[in-house]
Amino acid sequence: MPLRIAQNESWRNRVLWVDDRPENNVYERHAFEAAGLTFTLALSTQEALEILERNKFASIISDMGRREGPREGYVLLDELRGRVDRTPFFIYAGSNLPKHKREATDHGGQGSTNDAQELFQMVTAVVLERTAR
């Protein structure tokens, strides 16, 4: 069921998705959009940081490796946590290994997965929780 959000609280259903290849996530975004989420896309860490200076989001989804480097997801996450930005952050990458899940939380993220269904569950749970506040 789509989320119902007051217009002045529109950030509560908006997600920043950081990936240098957004065409790889079209189906995932469609599933989220059917649940009432909207997206802003960023192709790089720098673009994401610029967007975050002007906008608030319910959640951030990031891939791991980008043109800037193989661990760029953590570069962005570390920068945000260093700025005391606590926006829920999820890594959507090629690995689902327990050590990568632990590493994501060690960096201050809320989760890491390579499974679209798991990503959907994690992100929507956080967005619903924040909407209820």
C-alpha atoms as a PDB file:
ATOM      1  CA  MET A   1       0.000   0.000   0.000  1.00  0.00           C
ATOM      2  CA  PRO A   2       1.460   3.406  -0.963  1.00  0.00           C
ATOM      3  CA  LEU A   3       2.676   5.618   1.837  1.00  0.00           C
ATOM      4  CA  ARG A   4       0.610   8.721   2.606  1.00  0.00           C
ATOM      5  CA  ILE A   5       2.804  11.677   3.501  1.00  0.00           C
ATOM      6  CA  ALA A   6       1.799  15.278   4.195  1.00  0.00           C
ATOM      7  CA  GLN A   7       3.159  17.617   1.515  1.00  0.00           C
ATOM      8  CA  ASN A   8       5.341  19.586   3.948  1.00  0.00           C
ATOM      9  CA  GLU A   9       6.860  16.272   5.029  1.00  0.00           C
ATOM     10  CA  SER A  10       7.593  15.064   1.477  1.00  0.00           C
ATOM     11  CA  TRP A  11      11.210  14.260   2.389  1.00  0.00           C
ATOM     12  CA  ARG A  12       9.835  11.328   4.420  1.00  0.00           C
ATOM     13  CA  ASN A  13       9.191   9.285   1.283  1.00  0.00           C
ATOM     14  CA  ARG A  14      12.158  10.533  -0.756  1.00  0.00           C
ATOM     15  CA  VAL A  15      15.242   8.376  -1.243  1.00  0.00           C
ATOM     16  CA  LEU A  16      18.633   9.394  -2.616  1.00  0.00           C
ATOM     17  CA  TRP A  17      20.047   6.604  -4.791  1.00  0.00           C
ATOM     18  CA  VAL A  18      23.761   6.943  -5.530  1.00  0.00           C
ATOM     19  CA  ASP A  19      24.995   4.789  -8.399  1.00  0.00           C
ATOM     20  CA  ASP A  20      27.090   5.590 -11.457  1.00  0.00           C
ATOM     21  CA  ARG A  21      24.938   3.147 -13.440  1.00  0.00           C
ATOM     22  CA  PRO A  22      21.319   3.929 -12.476  1.00  0.00           C
ATOM     23  CA  GLU A  23      20.034   1.878 -15.397  1.00  0.00           C
ATOM     24  CA  ASN A  24      21.008  -1.222 -13.390  1.00  0.00           C
ATOM     25  CA  ASN A  25      18.381  -0.398 -10.731  1.00  0.00           C
ATOM     26  CA  VAL A  26      15.314   0.474 -12.799  1.00  0.00           C
ATOM     27  CA  TYR A  27      13.215  -2.493 -11.653  1.00  0.00           C
ATOM     28  CA  GLU A  28      14.108  -1.959  -8.013  1.00  0.00           C
ATOM     29  CA  ARG A  29      13.107   1.711  -8.213  1.00  0.00           C
ATOM     30  CA  HIS A  30       9.797   0.787  -9.848  1.00  0.00           C
ATOM     31  CA  ALA A  31       9.006  -1.520  -6.926  1.00  0.00           C
ATOM     32  CA  PHE A  32       9.783   1.241  -4.428  1.00  0.00           C
ATOM     33  CA  GLU A  33       7.765   3.770  -6.425  1.00  0.00           C
ATOM     34  CA  ALA A  34       4.765   1.421  -6.334  1.00  0.00           C
ATOM     35  CA  ALA A  35       5.054   1.612  -2.530  1.00  0.00           C
ATOM     36  CA  GLY A  36       4.960   5.422  -2.653  1.00  0.00           C
ATOM     37  CA  LEU A  37       8.660   6.317  -2.559  1.00  0.00           C
ATOM     38  CA  THR A  38      10.260   8.866  -4.857  1.00  0.00           C
ATOM     39  CA  PHE A  39      13.893   9.110  -5.916  1.00  0.00           C
ATOM     40  CA  THR A  40      16.637  11.566  -6.547  1.00  0.00           C
ATOM     41  CA  LEU A  41      19.568  10.029  -8.411  1.00  0.00           C
ATOM     42  CA  ALA A  42      23.249  10.896  -8.001  1.00  0.00           C
ATOM     43  CA  LEU A  43      26.008   9.470 -10.173  1.00  0.00           C
ATOM     44  CA  SER A  44      28.932  10.195  -7.846  1.00  0.00           C
ATOM     45  CA  THR A  45      29.862  10.806  -4.234  1.00  0.00           C
ATOM     46  CA  GLN A  46      30.438  14.494  -4.929  1.00  0.00           C
ATOM     47  CA  GLU A  47      27.049  14.886  -6.608  1.00  0.00           C
ATOM     48  CA  ALA A  48      25.385  13.100  -3.671  1.00  0.00           C
ATOM     49  CA  LEU A  49      27.061  15.418  -1.161  1.00  0.00           C
ATOM     50  CA  GLU A  50      25.940  18.475  -3.120  1.00  0.00           C
ATOM     51  CA  ILE A  51      22.352  17.189  -3.239  1.00  0.00           C
ATOM     52  CA  LEU A  52      22.424  16.413   0.480  1.00  0.00           C
ATOM     53  CA  GLU A  53      23.496  19.976   1.305  1.00  0.00           C
ATOM     54  CA  ARG A  54      20.161  21.218  -0.079  1.00  0.00           C
ATOM     55  CA  ASN A  55      17.754  18.333   0.582  1.00  0.00           C
ATOM     56  CA  LYS A  56      16.634  15.952   3.285  1.00  0.00           C
ATOM     57  CA  PHE A  57      15.874  12.292   2.580  1.00  0.00           C
ATOM     58  CA  ALA A  58      14.197   9.432   4.389  1.00  0.00           C
ATOM     59  CA  SER A  59      16.991   7.125   3.269  1.00  0.00           C
ATOM     60  CA  ILE A  60      20.059   6.761   1.065  1.00  0.00           C
ATOM     61  CA  ILE A  61      20.894   3.756  -1.102  1.00  0.00           C
ATOM     62  CA  SER A  62      24.398   3.538  -2.522  1.00  0.00           C
ATOM     63  CA  ASP A  63      26.336   1.108  -4.614  1.00  0.00           C
ATOM     64  CA  MET A  64      29.849   0.299  -3.449  1.00  0.00           C
ATOM     65  CA  GLY A  65      32.219   0.734  -6.379  1.00  0.00           C
ATOM     66  CA  ARG A  66      32.007   3.721  -8.670  1.00  0.00           C
ATOM     67  CA  ARG A  67      34.326   5.394 -11.123  1.00  0.00           C
ATOM     68  CA  GLU A  68      35.899   7.257  -8.185  1.00  0.00           C
ATOM     69  CA  GLY A  69      36.953   4.051  -6.474  1.00  0.00           C
ATOM     70  CA  PRO A  70      36.059   0.492  -5.436  1.00  0.00           C
ATOM     71  CA  ARG A  71      34.887   1.439  -1.904  1.00  0.00           C
ATOM     72  CA  GLU A  72      33.145   4.677  -2.748  1.00  0.00           C
ATOM     73  CA  GLY A  73      29.986   3.657  -0.902  1.00  0.00           C
ATOM     74  CA  TYR A  74      31.979   3.735   2.334  1.00  0.00           C
ATOM     75  CA  VAL A  75      33.640   7.009   1.359  1.00  0.00           C
ATOM     76  CA  LEU A  76      30.195   8.620   1.129  1.00  0.00           C
ATOM     77  CA  LEU A  77      28.924   6.934   4.287  1.00  0.00           C
ATOM     78  CA  ASP A  78      32.006   7.955   6.293  1.00  0.00           C
ATOM     79  CA  GLU A  79      31.731  11.548   5.067  1.00  0.00           C
ATOM     80  CA  LEU A  80      28.071  11.733   6.074  1.00  0.00           C
ATOM     81  CA  ARG A  81      28.650  10.241   9.515  1.00  0.00           C
ATOM     82  CA  GLY A  82      31.559  12.637   9.983  1.00  0.00           C
ATOM     83  CA  ARG A  83      29.104  15.472   9.323  1.00  0.00           C
ATOM     84  CA  VAL A  84      26.768  13.938  11.909  1.00  0.00           C
ATOM     85  CA  ASP A  85      24.230  13.146   9.178  1.00  0.00           C
ATOM     86  CA  ARG A  86      22.274  10.146  10.478  1.00  0.00           C
ATOM     87  CA  THR A  87      20.130   9.531   7.394  1.00  0.00           C
ATOM     88  CA  PRO A  88      19.581   5.751   7.148  1.00  0.00           C
ATOM     89  CA  PHE A  89      22.124   4.415   4.662  1.00  0.00           C
ATOM     90  CA  PHE A  90      22.028   1.132   2.747  1.00  0.00           C
ATOM     91  CA  ILE A  91      24.642  -0.420   0.490  1.00  0.00           C
ATOM     92  CA  TYR A  92      23.261  -2.229  -2.581  1.00  0.00           C
ATOM     93  CA  ALA A  93      26.224  -3.979  -4.127  1.00  0.00           C
ATOM     94  CA  GLY A  94      27.449  -7.254  -5.550  1.00  0.00           C
ATOM     95  CA  SER A  95      28.118  -8.981  -2.236  1.00  0.00           C
ATOM     96  CA  ASN A  96      25.845 -10.373   0.425  1.00  0.00           C
ATOM     97  CA  LEU A  97      28.613 -11.814   2.577  1.00  0.00           C
ATOM     98  CA  PRO A  98      28.199 -11.481   6.354  1.00  0.00           C
ATOM     99  CA  LYS A  99      31.551  -9.676   6.592  1.00  0.00           C
ATOM    100  CA  HIS A 100      30.320  -6.979   4.189  1.00  0.00           C
ATOM    101  CA  LYS A 101      27.081  -6.607   6.143  1.00  0.00           C
ATOM    102  CA  ARG A 102      29.144  -6.150   9.335  1.00  0.00           C
ATOM    103  CA  GLU A 103      31.464  -3.692   7.639  1.00  0.00           C
ATOM    104  CA  ALA A 104      28.495  -1.569   6.517  1.00  0.00           C
ATOM    105  CA  THR A 105      27.183  -1.347  10.071  1.00  0.00           C
ATOM    106  CA  ASP A 106      30.710  -0.702  11.389  1.00  0.00           C
ATOM    107  CA  HIS A 107      30.790   2.372   9.116  1.00  0.00           C
ATOM    108  CA  GLY A 108      27.433   3.533  10.503  1.00  0.00           C
ATOM    109  CA  GLY A 109      25.143   2.137   7.815  1.00  0.00           C
ATOM    110  CA  GLN A 110      21.886   0.321   8.420  1.00  0.00           C
ATOM    111  CA  GLY A 111      22.473  -2.583   6.057  1.00  0.00           C
ATOM    112  CA  SER A 112      24.105  -4.075   3.007  1.00  0.00           C
ATOM    113  CA  THR A 113      22.766  -6.541   0.475  1.00  0.00           C
ATOM    114  CA  ASN A 114      22.843  -7.690  -3.104  1.00  0.00           C
ATOM    115  CA  ASP A 115      19.255  -8.961  -2.933  1.00  0.00           C
ATOM    116  CA  ALA A 116      16.523  -6.640  -4.253  1.00  0.00           C
ATOM    117  CA  GLN A 117      13.840  -8.080  -1.990  1.00  0.00           C
ATOM    118  CA  GLU A 118      15.998  -7.683   1.120  1.00  0.00           C
ATOM    119  CA  LEU A 119      16.800  -4.098   0.108  1.00  0.00           C
ATOM    120  CA  PHE A 120      13.099  -3.372  -0.345  1.00  0.00           C
ATOM    121  CA  GLN A 121      12.295  -4.770   3.088  1.00  0.00           C
ATOM    122  CA  MET A 122      15.095  -2.884   4.857  1.00  0.00           C
ATOM    123  CA  VAL A 123      14.408   0.478   3.242  1.00  0.00           C
ATOM    124  CA  THR A 124      10.624   0.386   3.520  1.00  0.00           C
ATOM    125  CA  ALA A 125      10.855  -0.636   7.191  1.00  0.00           C
ATOM    126  CA  VAL A 126      13.024   2.411   7.948  1.00  0.00           C
ATOM    127  CA  VAL A 127      10.827   4.753   5.913  1.00  0.00           C
ATOM    128  CA  LEU A 128       7.659   3.472   7.612  1.00  0.00           C
ATOM    129  CA  GLU A 129       9.301   3.858  11.027  1.00  0.00           C
ATOM    130  CA  ARG A 130      10.326   7.443  10.267  1.00  0.00           C
ATOM    131  CA  THR A 131       6.865   8.223   8.880  1.00  0.00           C
ATOM    132  CA  ALA A 132       5.250   7.023  12.117  1.00  0.00           C
ATOM    133  CA  ARG A 133       7.247   9.527  14.197  1.00  0.00           C
END
